[in-house]
Amino acid sequence: MQEIGVPLPRLLEVYDQLFKARVLQEKDRQKNALFERLLQTQQQLEQLRQEMKEERESGQNIKEQLEAELQEAQSKIKAVEKRHKEEIERIQEYNLLLQQREALQNQMKMNAGPRQVSVKTVVV
């Protein structure tokens, strides 16, 4: 090895330093690759968190919308039930008035019947 003019211990020392430098470079390269993968994973995680948040908000919005629609439908049902009850009450009042009218007509017929007979009897 002395043919190139460098003593063997010095050559081994330089070789060892080069080897260590290459190992350090490889470690740095691997560290950088791992760091890049970590960044990508963190970005993916953040994206998934954002998507979950949007889905949760969307689900919440849908839930709120459905609850609002349900309340509106319940209000409409109550209004229809109230109108139905009022209509039934009006029909019952109308039926009562019809019954009273019929009773009055019958009473008038009964009262008018003998008078006409008596008037006819007198005329005859």
N, C-alpha and C. Protein backbone atom coordinates (compact mmCIF):
# COMPACT_ATOMS: atom_id res chain seq x y z
N MET A 1 0.81 -1.18 0.00
CA MET A 1 0.00 0.00 0.00
C MET A 1 0.87 1.26 0.00
N GLN A 2 2.07 1.07 0.26
CA GLN A 2 2.94 2.22 0.26
C GLN A 2 3.29 2.65 -1.15
N GLU A 3 2.85 1.91 -2.10
CA GLU A 3 3.14 2.23 -3.48
C GLU A 3 2.49 3.56 -3.88
N ILE A 4 1.36 3.92 -3.29
CA ILE A 4 0.72 5.18 -3.64
C ILE A 4 1.27 6.31 -2.76
N GLY A 5 2.11 5.99 -1.88
CA GLY A 5 2.78 6.98 -1.07
C GLY A 5 2.03 7.35 0.19
N VAL A 6 1.03 6.52 0.62
CA VAL A 6 0.27 6.82 1.83
C VAL A 6 0.46 5.63 2.76
N PRO A 7 0.84 5.90 4.01
CA PRO A 7 1.02 4.78 4.93
C PRO A 7 -0.32 4.08 5.17
N LEU A 8 -0.28 2.81 5.44
CA LEU A 8 -1.48 1.98 5.63
C LEU A 8 -2.34 2.48 6.78
N PRO A 9 -1.79 2.81 7.94
CA PRO A 9 -2.68 3.32 9.00
C PRO A 9 -3.43 4.58 8.57
N ARG A 10 -2.75 5.45 7.86
CA ARG A 10 -3.42 6.68 7.40
C ARG A 10 -4.50 6.33 6.38
N LEU A 11 -4.22 5.39 5.50
CA LEU A 11 -5.18 4.94 4.50
C LEU A 11 -6.41 4.33 5.16
N LEU A 12 -6.17 3.52 6.22
CA LEU A 12 -7.29 2.92 6.95
C LEU A 12 -8.09 4.01 7.66
N GLU A 13 -7.40 5.00 8.17
CA GLU A 13 -8.09 6.09 8.86
C GLU A 13 -8.98 6.87 7.89
N VAL A 14 -8.46 7.18 6.72
CA VAL A 14 -9.23 7.90 5.69
C VAL A 14 -10.40 7.04 5.23
N TYR A 15 -10.13 5.75 5.01
CA TYR A 15 -11.20 4.84 4.61
C TYR A 15 -12.28 4.80 5.68
N ASP A 16 -11.88 4.72 6.94
CA ASP A 16 -12.83 4.69 8.05
C ASP A 16 -13.64 5.99 8.08
N GLN A 17 -12.99 7.10 7.87
CA GLN A 17 -13.71 8.39 7.86
C GLN A 17 -14.69 8.45 6.69
N LEU A 18 -14.28 7.98 5.53
CA LEU A 18 -15.18 7.95 4.37
C LEU A 18 -16.37 7.03 4.63
N PHE A 19 -16.08 5.88 5.22
CA PHE A 19 -17.16 4.94 5.54
C PHE A 19 -18.15 5.58 6.52
N LYS A 20 -17.61 6.22 7.56
CA LYS A 20 -18.47 6.88 8.55
C LYS A 20 -19.28 8.01 7.90
N ALA A 21 -18.63 8.73 6.98
CA ALA A 21 -19.32 9.82 6.29
C ALA A 21 -20.45 9.26 5.44
N ARG A 22 -20.21 8.15 4.76
CA ARG A 22 -21.26 7.53 3.95
C ARG A 22 -22.38 6.99 4.82
N VAL A 23 -22.02 6.41 5.95
CA VAL A 23 -23.04 5.91 6.88
C VAL A 23 -23.88 7.08 7.38
N LEU A 24 -23.19 8.19 7.74
CA LEU A 24 -23.92 9.37 8.19
C LEU A 24 -24.82 9.94 7.09
N GLN A 25 -24.30 9.94 5.86
CA GLN A 25 -25.12 10.41 4.74
C GLN A 25 -26.36 9.52 4.56
N GLU A 26 -26.15 8.21 4.65
CA GLU A 26 -27.27 7.27 4.50
C GLU A 26 -28.26 7.47 5.64
N LYS A 27 -27.75 7.66 6.83
CA LYS A 27 -28.65 7.91 7.97
C LYS A 27 -29.41 9.21 7.77
N ASP A 28 -28.73 10.25 7.30
CA ASP A 28 -29.40 11.52 7.02
C ASP A 28 -30.46 11.33 5.92
N ARG A 29 -30.14 10.60 4.90
CA ARG A 29 -31.09 10.34 3.82
C ARG A 29 -32.31 9.60 4.35
N GLN A 30 -32.06 8.58 5.16
CA GLN A 30 -33.16 7.81 5.76
C GLN A 30 -33.98 8.71 6.71
N LYS A 31 -33.26 9.54 7.48
CA LYS A 31 -33.95 10.44 8.40
C LYS A 31 -34.82 11.42 7.62
N ASN A 32 -34.29 11.95 6.52
CA ASN A 32 -35.06 12.87 5.68
C ASN A 32 -36.26 12.16 5.05
N ALA A 33 -36.06 10.94 4.61
CA ALA A 33 -37.16 10.18 4.02
C ALA A 33 -38.24 9.92 5.07
N LEU A 34 -37.81 9.55 6.27
CA LEU A 34 -38.77 9.32 7.34
C LEU A 34 -39.49 10.62 7.72
N PHE A 35 -38.75 11.72 7.73
CA PHE A 35 -39.35 13.01 8.03
C PHE A 35 -40.39 13.37 6.97
N GLU A 36 -40.08 13.12 5.70
CA GLU A 36 -41.04 13.38 4.62
C GLU A 36 -42.29 12.51 4.78
N ARG A 37 -42.07 11.24 5.11
CA ARG A 37 -43.22 10.35 5.34
C ARG A 37 -44.04 10.82 6.53
N LEU A 38 -43.35 11.29 7.56
CA LEU A 38 -44.05 11.81 8.73
C LEU A 38 -44.89 13.03 8.35
N LEU A 39 -44.32 13.93 7.56
CA LEU A 39 -45.07 15.11 7.12
C LEU A 39 -46.28 14.71 6.28
N GLN A 40 -46.08 13.77 5.37
CA GLN A 40 -47.21 13.30 4.55
C GLN A 40 -48.30 12.68 5.42
N THR A 41 -47.87 11.89 6.39
CA THR A 41 -48.83 11.25 7.29
C THR A 41 -49.57 12.29 8.10
N GLN A 42 -48.85 13.30 8.58
CA GLN A 42 -49.50 14.37 9.34
C GLN A 42 -50.49 15.14 8.46
N GLN A 43 -50.12 15.38 7.21
CA GLN A 43 -51.03 16.06 6.29
C GLN A 43 -52.28 15.21 6.02
N GLN A 44 -52.06 13.92 5.82
CA GLN A 44 -53.20 13.02 5.61
C GLN A 44 -54.10 12.99 6.84
N LEU A 45 -53.46 12.94 8.01
CA LEU A 45 -54.22 12.93 9.25
C LEU A 45 -55.03 14.22 9.40
N GLU A 46 -54.42 15.33 9.10
CA GLU A 46 -55.13 16.62 9.18
C GLU A 46 -56.28 16.66 8.17
N GLN A 47 -56.03 16.13 6.99
CA GLN A 47 -57.09 16.09 5.97
C GLN A 47 -58.25 15.21 6.45
N LEU A 48 -57.93 14.05 7.03
CA LEU A 48 -58.97 13.17 7.55
C LEU A 48 -59.74 13.85 8.70
N ARG A 49 -59.01 14.55 9.55
CA ARG A 49 -59.68 15.28 10.64
C ARG A 49 -60.64 16.32 10.08
N GLN A 50 -60.19 17.02 9.05
CA GLN A 50 -61.03 18.04 8.43
C GLN A 50 -62.27 17.40 7.80
N GLU A 51 -62.07 16.28 7.11
CA GLU A 51 -63.20 15.57 6.50
C GLU A 51 -64.18 15.09 7.57
N MET A 52 -63.63 14.56 8.67
CA MET A 52 -64.51 14.11 9.76
C MET A 52 -65.29 15.29 10.34
N LYS A 53 -64.61 16.41 10.50
CA LYS A 53 -65.27 17.60 11.04
C LYS A 53 -66.39 18.04 10.11
N GLU A 54 -66.10 18.06 8.80
CA GLU A 54 -67.12 18.46 7.83
C GLU A 54 -68.29 17.48 7.83
N GLU A 55 -67.98 16.18 7.91
CA GLU A 55 -69.05 15.19 7.95
C GLU A 55 -69.88 15.34 9.22
N ARG A 56 -69.21 15.59 10.33
CA ARG A 56 -69.90 15.79 11.60
C ARG A 56 -70.81 17.01 11.51
N GLU A 57 -70.25 18.11 10.96
CA GLU A 57 -71.05 19.33 10.79
C GLU A 57 -72.20 19.09 9.83
N SER A 58 -71.91 18.38 8.76
CA SER A 58 -72.95 18.06 7.79
C SER A 58 -74.03 17.21 8.44
N GLY A 59 -73.60 16.22 9.21
CA GLY A 59 -74.56 15.39 9.94
C GLY A 59 -75.35 16.20 10.94
N GLN A 60 -74.67 17.14 11.59
CA GLN A 60 -75.36 18.01 12.56
C GLN A 60 -76.35 18.90 11.83
N ASN A 61 -75.93 19.42 10.66
CA ASN A 61 -76.84 20.26 9.88
C ASN A 61 -78.05 19.46 9.42
N ILE A 62 -77.82 18.25 8.99
CA ILE A 62 -78.94 17.39 8.57
C ILE A 62 -79.85 17.12 9.75
N LYS A 63 -79.25 16.83 10.90
CA LYS A 63 -80.05 16.56 12.10
C LYS A 63 -80.88 17.79 12.46
N GLU A 64 -80.25 18.96 12.45
CA GLU A 64 -80.97 20.19 12.77
C GLU A 64 -82.07 20.45 11.76
N GLN A 65 -81.77 20.20 10.48
CA GLN A 65 -82.77 20.40 9.44
C GLN A 65 -83.95 19.46 9.63
N LEU A 66 -83.66 18.20 9.94
CA LEU A 66 -84.73 17.23 10.16
C LEU A 66 -85.55 17.59 11.40
N GLU A 67 -84.88 18.05 12.44
CA GLU A 67 -85.60 18.47 13.65
C GLU A 67 -86.51 19.66 13.35
N ALA A 68 -86.02 20.60 12.55
CA ALA A 68 -86.83 21.76 12.17
C ALA A 68 -88.04 21.32 11.34
N GLU A 69 -87.81 20.40 10.41
CA GLU A 69 -88.91 19.88 9.59
C GLU A 69 -89.92 19.14 10.47
N LEU A 70 -89.43 18.39 11.43
CA LEU A 70 -90.32 17.67 12.34
C LEU A 70 -91.16 18.66 13.14
N GLN A 71 -90.54 19.69 13.67
CA GLN A 71 -91.28 20.69 14.44
C GLN A 71 -92.33 21.37 13.56
N GLU A 72 -91.94 21.67 12.34
CA GLU A 72 -92.88 22.31 11.41
C GLU A 72 -94.06 21.38 11.12
N ALA A 73 -93.77 20.11 10.90
CA ALA A 73 -94.84 19.14 10.63
C ALA A 73 -95.74 19.00 11.85
N GLN A 74 -95.15 18.97 13.04
CA GLN A 74 -95.95 18.86 14.26
C GLN A 74 -96.83 20.09 14.43
N SER A 75 -96.32 21.26 14.12
CA SER A 75 -97.11 22.48 14.20
C SER A 75 -98.28 22.43 13.22
N LYS A 76 -97.99 21.96 12.01
CA LYS A 76 -99.06 21.85 11.00
C LYS A 76 -100.12 20.86 11.45
N ILE A 77 -99.69 19.75 12.03
CA ILE A 77 -100.64 18.74 12.52
C ILE A 77 -101.51 19.34 13.61
N LYS A 78 -100.90 20.07 14.53
CA LYS A 78 -101.67 20.70 15.60
C LYS A 78 -102.68 21.69 15.03
N ALA A 79 -102.26 22.46 14.03
CA ALA A 79 -103.16 23.43 13.42
C ALA A 79 -104.33 22.72 12.75
N VAL A 80 -104.04 21.63 12.04
CA VAL A 80 -105.10 20.86 11.38
C VAL A 80 -106.03 20.25 12.42
N GLU A 81 -105.47 19.72 13.49
CA GLU A 81 -106.30 19.15 14.56
C GLU A 81 -107.19 20.22 15.18
N LYS A 82 -106.65 21.44 15.36
CA LYS A 82 -107.44 22.53 15.92
C LYS A 82 -108.58 22.89 14.98
N ARG A 83 -108.27 23.02 13.68
CA ARG A 83 -109.32 23.34 12.70
C ARG A 83 -110.37 22.24 12.66
N HIS A 84 -109.93 20.99 12.72
CA HIS A 84 -110.85 19.85 12.71
C HIS A 84 -111.79 19.92 13.92
N LYS A 85 -111.21 20.20 15.07
CA LYS A 85 -112.01 20.31 16.30
C LYS A 85 -113.02 21.44 16.17
N GLU A 86 -112.57 22.58 15.64
CA GLU A 86 -113.47 23.72 15.46
C GLU A 86 -114.59 23.37 14.48
N GLU A 87 -114.25 22.67 13.40
CA GLU A 87 -115.26 22.27 12.42
C GLU A 87 -116.27 21.31 13.05
N ILE A 88 -115.80 20.38 13.85
CA ILE A 88 -116.71 19.45 14.54
C ILE A 88 -117.64 20.23 15.46
N GLU A 89 -117.09 21.20 16.19
CA GLU A 89 -117.92 22.02 17.08
C GLU A 89 -118.96 22.79 16.28
N ARG A 90 -118.58 23.36 15.12
CA ARG A 90 -119.53 24.08 14.28
C ARG A 90 -120.62 23.15 13.76
N ILE A 91 -120.22 21.96 13.34
CA ILE A 91 -121.20 20.99 12.85
C ILE A 91 -122.16 20.60 13.96
N GLN A 92 -121.62 20.38 15.16
CA GLN A 92 -122.48 20.04 16.29
C GLN A 92 -123.45 21.18 16.60
N GLU A 93 -122.95 22.42 16.55
CA GLU A 93 -123.82 23.58 16.78
C GLU A 93 -124.88 23.66 15.68
N TYR A 94 -124.47 23.42 14.45
CA TYR A 94 -125.40 23.45 13.33
C TYR A 94 -126.47 22.37 13.50
N ASN A 95 -126.04 21.16 13.87
CA ASN A 95 -126.99 20.07 14.11
C ASN A 95 -127.95 20.42 15.23
N LEU A 96 -127.43 21.04 16.28
CA LEU A 96 -128.29 21.46 17.39
C LEU A 96 -129.31 22.48 16.92
N LEU A 97 -128.85 23.45 16.11
CA LEU A 97 -129.77 24.45 15.58
C LEU A 97 -130.82 23.80 14.68
N LEU A 98 -130.42 22.83 13.87
CA LEU A 98 -131.37 22.11 13.02
C LEU A 98 -132.40 21.37 13.87
N GLN A 99 -131.93 20.72 14.93
CA GLN A 99 -132.85 20.00 15.82
C GLN A 99 -133.82 20.98 16.49
N GLN A 100 -133.29 22.12 16.92
CA GLN A 100 -134.16 23.11 17.55
C GLN A 100 -135.18 23.65 16.54
N ARG A 101 -134.72 23.88 15.32
CA ARG A 101 -135.64 24.35 14.27
C ARG A 101 -136.72 23.32 13.99
N GLU A 102 -136.29 22.07 13.88
CA GLU A 102 -137.24 21.00 13.63
C GLU A 102 -138.24 20.89 14.78
N ALA A 103 -137.76 21.02 16.00
CA ALA A 103 -138.65 20.97 17.16
C ALA A 103 -139.63 22.14 17.13
N LEU A 104 -139.15 23.32 16.79
CA LEU A 104 -140.02 24.48 16.69
C LEU A 104 -141.05 24.30 15.58
N GLN A 105 -140.59 23.76 14.45
CA GLN A 105 -141.53 23.53 13.35
C GLN A 105 -142.60 22.53 13.76
N ASN A 106 -142.16 21.48 14.44
CA ASN A 106 -143.14 20.48 14.90
C ASN A 106 -144.10 21.10 15.91
N GLN A 107 -143.53 21.93 16.78
CA GLN A 107 -144.39 22.59 17.78
C GLN A 107 -145.37 23.53 17.08
N MET A 108 -144.88 24.25 16.07
CA MET A 108 -145.76 25.16 15.34
C MET A 108 -146.84 24.38 14.60
N LYS A 109 -146.47 23.23 14.04
CA LYS A 109 -147.45 22.40 13.35
C LYS A 109 -148.51 21.92 14.33
N MET A 110 -148.04 21.52 15.50
CA MET A 110 -148.98 21.03 16.50
C MET A 110 -149.88 22.18 16.98
N ASN A 111 -149.29 23.34 17.18
CA ASN A 111 -150.07 24.49 17.64
C ASN A 111 -150.94 25.04 16.52
N ALA A 112 -150.46 25.03 15.31
CA ALA A 112 -151.21 25.59 14.19
C ALA A 112 -152.31 24.63 13.75
N GLY A 113 -152.11 23.37 13.91
CA GLY A 113 -153.09 22.38 13.46
C GLY A 113 -154.43 22.57 14.11
N PRO A 114 -154.59 22.59 15.39
CA PRO A 114 -155.90 22.74 16.01
C PRO A 114 -156.52 24.10 15.72
N ARG A 115 -155.73 25.14 15.60
CA ARG A 115 -156.31 26.46 15.31
C ARG A 115 -156.98 26.47 13.95
N GLN A 116 -156.31 25.87 13.00
CA GLN A 116 -156.90 25.84 11.67
C GLN A 116 -158.20 25.02 11.69
N VAL A 117 -158.15 23.94 12.47
CA VAL A 117 -159.34 23.12 12.55
C VAL A 117 -160.46 23.90 13.19
N SER A 118 -160.14 24.62 14.25
CA SER A 118 -161.19 25.37 14.93
C SER A 118 -161.71 26.50 14.06
N VAL A 119 -160.79 27.10 13.30
CA VAL A 119 -161.21 28.16 12.41
C VAL A 119 -162.09 27.57 11.32
N LYS A 120 -161.75 26.42 10.83
CA LYS A 120 -162.55 25.78 9.80
C LYS A 120 -163.90 25.37 10.37
N THR A 121 -163.86 24.95 11.58
CA THR A 121 -165.12 24.54 12.21
C THR A 121 -166.03 25.74 12.34
N VAL A 122 -165.48 26.85 12.71
CA VAL A 122 -166.28 28.05 12.87
C VAL A 122 -166.80 28.49 11.54
N VAL A 123 -166.06 28.43 10.53
CA VAL A 123 -166.45 28.89 9.20
C VAL A 123 -167.51 27.94 8.64
N VAL A 124 -167.44 26.77 8.91
CA VAL A 124 -168.35 25.82 8.33
C VAL A 124 -169.67 25.98 8.94
